[in-house]
Amino acid sequence: MIKYFLYSDDQIREKNSILERSGKKFVPGTIAINGNRVKFTQISDKSNMDRFIDTRIVASGELSDFTYTMPKIDLKYNN
């Protein structure tokens, strides 16, 4: 099944505005594309996120075809 790796600055801002109250922050995941690590905020079955107008597709395909790390929530004082 085809999956879409999506990125949205608006999504990061929204998540962080909620998480900062508890001293946490959202850290985007990364995916290896042509030897470079590229950030993504969500993996989806759909090619867009209606809620975030700035969404762009970073990569698409079978999950097993990619090397990636999932987005996570970290303590704010960690980088």
N, C-alpha and C. Protein backbone atom coordinates (compact mmCIF):
# COMPACT_ATOMS: atom_id res chain seq x y z
N MET A 1 0.84 -1.18 0.00
CA MET A 1 0.00 0.00 0.00
C MET A 1 0.89 1.25 0.00
N ILE A 2 0.58 2.19 -0.84
CA ILE A 2 1.34 3.44 -0.95
C ILE A 2 1.08 4.33 0.27
N LYS A 3 2.17 4.83 0.84
CA LYS A 3 2.11 5.79 1.95
C LYS A 3 2.78 7.08 1.51
N TYR A 4 2.35 8.17 2.12
CA TYR A 4 2.90 9.49 1.81
C TYR A 4 3.57 10.05 3.05
N PHE A 5 4.80 10.48 2.88
CA PHE A 5 5.53 11.18 3.94
C PHE A 5 5.27 12.66 3.72
N LEU A 6 4.61 13.30 4.67
CA LEU A 6 4.17 14.68 4.52
C LEU A 6 4.90 15.59 5.49
N TYR A 7 5.07 16.85 5.08
CA TYR A 7 5.70 17.84 5.94
C TYR A 7 4.85 19.11 5.95
N SER A 8 4.67 19.69 7.16
CA SER A 8 3.93 20.93 7.32
C SER A 8 4.50 21.74 8.48
N ASP A 9 4.96 22.96 8.18
CA ASP A 9 5.40 23.87 9.25
C ASP A 9 4.23 24.23 10.15
N ASP A 10 3.04 24.41 9.57
CA ASP A 10 1.85 24.75 10.36
C ASP A 10 1.54 23.64 11.37
N GLN A 11 1.71 22.40 10.97
CA GLN A 11 1.45 21.28 11.87
C GLN A 11 2.44 21.29 13.03
N ILE A 12 3.71 21.57 12.74
CA ILE A 12 4.72 21.65 13.80
C ILE A 12 4.37 22.76 14.78
N ARG A 13 4.01 23.93 14.27
CA ARG A 13 3.65 25.06 15.15
C ARG A 13 2.45 24.71 16.03
N GLU A 14 1.44 24.08 15.45
CA GLU A 14 0.25 23.72 16.23
C GLU A 14 0.59 22.72 17.32
N LYS A 15 1.32 21.68 16.97
CA LYS A 15 1.68 20.67 17.97
C LYS A 15 2.51 21.29 19.09
N ASN A 16 3.48 22.14 18.73
CA ASN A 16 4.34 22.74 19.75
C ASN A 16 3.59 23.73 20.63
N SER A 17 2.61 24.42 20.09
CA SER A 17 1.84 25.34 20.92
C SER A 17 1.05 24.58 22.00
N ILE A 18 0.65 23.37 21.69
CA ILE A 18 -0.06 22.53 22.67
C ILE A 18 0.93 21.90 23.65
N LEU A 19 2.03 21.38 23.14
CA LEU A 19 2.99 20.65 23.96
C LEU A 19 3.81 21.53 24.89
N GLU A 20 4.05 22.79 24.51
CA GLU A 20 4.93 23.65 25.32
C GLU A 20 4.40 23.85 26.74
N ARG A 21 3.09 23.75 26.93
CA ARG A 21 2.50 23.90 28.27
C ARG A 21 2.98 22.82 29.23
N SER A 22 3.35 21.67 28.66
CA SER A 22 3.82 20.57 29.51
C SER A 22 5.33 20.37 29.40
N GLY A 23 6.03 21.38 28.84
CA GLY A 23 7.48 21.32 28.76
C GLY A 23 8.01 20.36 27.71
N LYS A 24 7.22 20.12 26.68
CA LYS A 24 7.61 19.18 25.63
C LYS A 24 7.60 19.87 24.27
N LYS A 25 8.20 19.20 23.28
CA LYS A 25 8.18 19.73 21.93
C LYS A 25 8.07 18.58 20.93
N PHE A 26 7.52 18.89 19.77
CA PHE A 26 7.38 17.93 18.67
C PHE A 26 8.64 17.93 17.83
N VAL A 27 9.16 16.75 17.56
CA VAL A 27 10.36 16.60 16.73
C VAL A 27 9.96 15.83 15.47
N PRO A 28 10.07 16.45 14.30
CA PRO A 28 9.70 15.75 13.06
C PRO A 28 10.55 14.49 12.86
N GLY A 29 10.00 13.54 12.13
CA GLY A 29 10.76 12.37 11.75
C GLY A 29 11.68 12.71 10.59
N THR A 30 12.53 11.77 10.24
CA THR A 30 13.40 11.97 9.08
C THR A 30 13.32 10.75 8.18
N ILE A 31 13.54 10.99 6.90
CA ILE A 31 13.54 9.92 5.90
C ILE A 31 14.78 10.12 5.03
N ALA A 32 15.42 9.02 4.68
CA ALA A 32 16.61 9.08 3.81
C ALA A 32 16.15 9.13 2.35
N ILE A 33 16.55 10.21 1.66
CA ILE A 33 16.24 10.37 0.24
C ILE A 33 17.53 10.75 -0.47
N ASN A 34 17.98 9.89 -1.36
CA ASN A 34 19.22 10.13 -2.11
C ASN A 34 20.40 10.46 -1.20
N GLY A 35 20.50 9.76 -0.09
CA GLY A 35 21.61 9.97 0.83
C GLY A 35 21.45 11.13 1.78
N ASN A 36 20.38 11.88 1.68
CA ASN A 36 20.12 13.02 2.57
C ASN A 36 18.96 12.71 3.50
N ARG A 37 19.03 13.22 4.72
CA ARG A 37 17.92 13.08 5.66
C ARG A 37 16.98 14.27 5.49
N VAL A 38 15.70 13.99 5.25
CA VAL A 38 14.69 15.03 5.04
C VAL A 38 13.63 14.87 6.13
N LYS A 39 13.17 15.99 6.69
CA LYS A 39 12.17 15.96 7.77
C LYS A 39 10.77 15.69 7.21
N PHE A 40 9.95 14.98 8.02
CA PHE A 40 8.53 14.82 7.72
C PHE A 40 7.76 14.88 9.03
N THR A 41 6.50 15.29 8.95
CA THR A 41 5.69 15.41 10.16
C THR A 41 4.65 14.31 10.31
N GLN A 42 4.35 13.61 9.22
CA GLN A 42 3.29 12.62 9.28
C GLN A 42 3.40 11.65 8.13
N ILE A 43 3.03 10.39 8.38
CA ILE A 43 2.88 9.39 7.32
C ILE A 43 1.39 9.18 7.15
N SER A 44 0.92 9.19 5.90
CA SER A 44 -0.53 9.13 5.66
C SER A 44 -0.85 8.25 4.46
N ASP A 45 -2.10 7.79 4.42
CA ASP A 45 -2.61 7.07 3.25
C ASP A 45 -3.04 8.06 2.17
N LYS A 46 -3.24 9.32 2.57
CA LYS A 46 -3.67 10.38 1.63
C LYS A 46 -2.49 11.29 1.31
N SER A 47 -2.54 11.91 0.15
CA SER A 47 -1.43 12.75 -0.30
C SER A 47 -1.50 14.18 0.23
N ASN A 48 -2.48 14.47 1.09
CA ASN A 48 -2.57 15.83 1.64
C ASN A 48 -3.16 15.78 3.05
N MET A 49 -3.05 16.90 3.74
CA MET A 49 -3.69 17.07 5.04
C MET A 49 -4.58 18.31 4.87
N ASP A 50 -5.86 18.10 4.79
CA ASP A 50 -6.79 19.21 4.57
C ASP A 50 -6.62 20.32 5.60
N ARG A 51 -6.24 19.96 6.78
CA ARG A 51 -6.15 20.90 7.88
C ARG A 51 -4.99 21.88 7.75
N PHE A 52 -3.91 21.47 7.09
CA PHE A 52 -2.71 22.30 6.99
C PHE A 52 -2.44 22.63 5.53
N ILE A 53 -2.63 23.89 5.19
CA ILE A 53 -2.55 24.34 3.80
C ILE A 53 -1.13 24.25 3.23
N ASP A 54 -0.11 24.29 4.09
CA ASP A 54 1.27 24.29 3.61
C ASP A 54 1.86 22.88 3.44
N THR A 55 1.04 21.85 3.54
CA THR A 55 1.52 20.47 3.44
C THR A 55 2.15 20.19 2.09
N ARG A 56 3.30 19.50 2.15
CA ARG A 56 3.93 19.05 0.90
C ARG A 56 4.35 17.59 1.06
N ILE A 57 4.39 16.88 -0.05
CA ILE A 57 4.82 15.49 -0.05
C ILE A 57 6.34 15.44 -0.11
N VAL A 58 6.94 14.77 0.85
CA VAL A 58 8.39 14.63 0.88
C VAL A 58 8.80 13.38 0.10
N ALA A 59 8.00 12.30 0.25
CA ALA A 59 8.26 11.04 -0.45
C ALA A 59 6.99 10.22 -0.45
N SER A 60 6.91 9.25 -1.35
CA SER A 60 5.78 8.34 -1.35
C SER A 60 6.23 6.98 -1.86
N GLY A 61 5.56 5.94 -1.38
CA GLY A 61 5.88 4.57 -1.79
C GLY A 61 5.58 3.60 -0.66
N GLU A 62 6.08 2.39 -0.81
CA GLU A 62 5.91 1.37 0.22
C GLU A 62 6.83 1.69 1.40
N LEU A 63 6.33 1.54 2.61
CA LEU A 63 7.14 1.85 3.79
C LEU A 63 8.44 1.04 3.81
N SER A 64 8.38 -0.19 3.35
CA SER A 64 9.57 -1.05 3.37
C SER A 64 10.67 -0.57 2.42
N ASP A 65 10.34 0.35 1.52
CA ASP A 65 11.33 0.88 0.57
C ASP A 65 12.17 2.01 1.16
N PHE A 66 11.84 2.47 2.37
CA PHE A 66 12.48 3.64 2.93
C PHE A 66 13.15 3.34 4.27
N THR A 67 14.17 4.13 4.57
CA THR A 67 14.79 4.14 5.89
C THR A 67 14.34 5.44 6.54
N TYR A 68 13.66 5.35 7.67
CA TYR A 68 13.10 6.54 8.30
C TYR A 68 13.04 6.38 9.81
N THR A 69 12.96 7.52 10.49
CA THR A 69 12.69 7.56 11.93
C THR A 69 11.38 8.31 12.12
N MET A 70 10.56 7.82 13.01
CA MET A 70 9.24 8.40 13.23
C MET A 70 9.33 9.73 14.01
N PRO A 71 8.37 10.63 13.77
CA PRO A 71 8.29 11.84 14.60
C PRO A 71 8.10 11.43 16.06
N LYS A 72 8.52 12.33 16.97
CA LYS A 72 8.40 12.01 18.39
C LYS A 72 8.15 13.26 19.21
N ILE A 73 7.82 13.06 20.44
CA ILE A 73 7.66 14.14 21.39
C ILE A 73 8.80 14.05 22.39
N ASP A 74 9.53 15.14 22.55
CA ASP A 74 10.71 15.21 23.39
C ASP A 74 10.51 16.23 24.50
N LEU A 75 11.33 16.13 25.52
CA LEU A 75 11.35 17.18 26.53
C LEU A 75 11.91 18.43 25.88
N LYS A 76 11.36 19.59 26.20
CA LYS A 76 11.71 20.84 25.53
C LYS A 76 13.17 21.21 25.67
N TYR A 77 13.79 20.91 26.81
CA TYR A 77 15.16 21.32 27.02
C TYR A 77 16.17 20.44 26.28
N ASN A 78 15.73 19.30 25.71
CA ASN A 78 16.62 18.48 24.87
C ASN A 78 16.62 19.04 23.46
N ASN A 79 17.74 18.97 22.76
CA ASN A 79 17.80 19.43 21.37
C ASN A 79 17.74 18.25 20.48
